Amino acid sequence: MYQVYIDKPSYFEPDMAAEFKDLESAEAFAEKQKAEDSEVSYTIEETNGCVNSYGEQITTVVKRG
């Protein structure tokens, strides 16, 4: 699973915008959001369903833009 987080200078922290099963769809969505607003930055994270001892999902950053 790939999660796309969108960040703007006015946001307190990045907001999860969408989840996708494949990386290509996640990248297309993130690039579209960036094209619509030049202030937007994004982070795509991959998850495998595992959680740490605090119950937080373990993620790996795949791409930032």
C-alpha atoms as a PDB file:
ATOM      1  CA  MET A   1       0.000   0.000   0.000  1.00  0.00           C
ATOM      2  CA  TYR A   2       1.247   3.482  -0.841  1.00  0.00           C
ATOM      3  CA  GLN A   3       0.107   6.549   1.069  1.00  0.00           C
ATOM      4  CA  VAL A   4       0.390  10.055  -0.389  1.00  0.00           C
ATOM      5  CA  TYR A   5       0.870  12.927   2.058  1.00  0.00           C
ATOM      6  CA  ILE A   6       0.368  16.501   0.883  1.00  0.00           C
ATOM      7  CA  ASP A   7       2.070  19.399   2.652  1.00  0.00           C
ATOM      8  CA  LYS A   8       1.545  23.135   2.227  1.00  0.00           C
ATOM      9  CA  PRO A   9       3.284  25.952   4.086  1.00  0.00           C
ATOM     10  CA  SER A  10      -0.009  26.738   5.860  1.00  0.00           C
ATOM     11  CA  TYR A  11      -0.445  23.158   7.179  1.00  0.00           C
ATOM     12  CA  PHE A  12       0.697  22.279  10.699  1.00  0.00           C
ATOM     13  CA  GLU A  13       1.738  18.816   9.486  1.00  0.00           C
ATOM     14  CA  PRO A  14       1.352  16.878   6.214  1.00  0.00           C
ATOM     15  CA  ASP A  15      -2.146  15.608   5.461  1.00  0.00           C
ATOM     16  CA  MET A  16      -2.724  12.096   4.086  1.00  0.00           C
ATOM     17  CA  ALA A  17      -4.540  12.656   0.809  1.00  0.00           C
ATOM     18  CA  ALA A  18      -4.941   9.144  -0.609  1.00  0.00           C
ATOM     19  CA  GLU A  19      -3.900   5.471  -0.550  1.00  0.00           C
ATOM     20  CA  PHE A  20      -3.045   3.403  -3.607  1.00  0.00           C
ATOM     21  CA  LYS A  21      -2.160  -0.221  -4.295  1.00  0.00           C
ATOM     22  CA  ASP A  22       0.500   0.605  -6.906  1.00  0.00           C
ATOM     23  CA  LEU A  23       3.302   3.163  -6.970  1.00  0.00           C
ATOM     24  CA  GLU A  24       2.492   4.497 -10.449  1.00  0.00           C
ATOM     25  CA  SER A  25      -0.994   5.627  -9.391  1.00  0.00           C
ATOM     26  CA  ALA A  26       0.381   7.237  -6.239  1.00  0.00           C
ATOM     27  CA  GLU A  27       3.026   9.135  -8.229  1.00  0.00           C
ATOM     28  CA  ALA A  28       0.467  10.297 -10.812  1.00  0.00           C
ATOM     29  CA  PHE A  29      -1.839  11.591  -8.075  1.00  0.00           C
ATOM     30  CA  ALA A  30       0.998  13.388  -6.266  1.00  0.00           C
ATOM     31  CA  GLU A  31       2.300  15.008  -9.453  1.00  0.00           C
ATOM     32  CA  LYS A  32      -1.222  16.170 -10.348  1.00  0.00           C
ATOM     33  CA  GLN A  33      -1.611  17.813  -6.923  1.00  0.00           C
ATOM     34  CA  LYS A  34       1.759  19.551  -7.329  1.00  0.00           C
ATOM     35  CA  ALA A  35       0.825  20.763 -10.833  1.00  0.00           C
ATOM     36  CA  GLU A  36      -2.404  22.299  -9.515  1.00  0.00           C
ATOM     37  CA  ASP A  37      -0.635  24.217  -6.719  1.00  0.00           C
ATOM     38  CA  SER A  38       3.077  25.077  -6.897  1.00  0.00           C
ATOM     39  CA  GLU A  39       3.359  25.485  -3.093  1.00  0.00           C
ATOM     40  CA  VAL A  40       2.454  21.832  -2.512  1.00  0.00           C
ATOM     41  CA  SER A  41       5.085  19.266  -1.624  1.00  0.00           C
ATOM     42  CA  TYR A  42       4.367  15.573  -1.281  1.00  0.00           C
ATOM     43  CA  THR A  43       5.707  12.413   0.305  1.00  0.00           C
ATOM     44  CA  ILE A  44       4.868   8.889  -0.823  1.00  0.00           C
ATOM     45  CA  GLU A  45       5.268   6.210   1.841  1.00  0.00           C
ATOM     46  CA  GLU A  46       5.033   2.443   1.476  1.00  0.00           C
ATOM     47  CA  THR A  47       3.357   0.403   4.217  1.00  0.00           C
ATOM     48  CA  ASN A  48       3.233  -3.333   4.696  1.00  0.00           C
ATOM     49  CA  GLY A  49       0.651  -3.532   7.472  1.00  0.00           C
ATOM     50  CA  CYS A  50       3.127  -4.059  10.320  1.00  0.00           C
ATOM     51  CA  VAL A  51       3.033  -1.910  13.449  1.00  0.00           C
ATOM     52  CA  ASN A  52       5.697  -1.041  16.015  1.00  0.00           C
ATOM     53  CA  SER A  53       5.439  -1.489  19.795  1.00  0.00           C
ATOM     54  CA  TYR A  54       3.507   1.808  20.047  1.00  0.00           C
ATOM     55  CA  GLY A  55       0.854   0.632  17.590  1.00  0.00           C
ATOM     56  CA  GLU A  56       2.047   3.008  14.862  1.00  0.00           C
ATOM     57  CA  GLN A  57       2.215   1.742  11.309  1.00  0.00           C
ATOM     58  CA  ILE A  58       5.750   1.131   9.993  1.00  0.00           C
ATOM     59  CA  THR A  59       6.345   3.075   6.774  1.00  0.00           C
ATOM     60  CA  THR A  60       9.187   3.610   4.323  1.00  0.00           C
ATOM     61  CA  VAL A  61       9.527   6.840   2.353  1.00  0.00           C
ATOM     62  CA  VAL A  62       9.576   6.027  -1.349  1.00  0.00           C
ATOM     63  CA  LYS A  63       9.590   9.475  -2.959  1.00  0.00           C
ATOM     64  CA  ARG A  64       9.397  13.174  -2.079  1.00  0.00           C
ATOM     65  CA  GLY A  65       8.649  16.029  -4.373  1.00  0.00           C
END
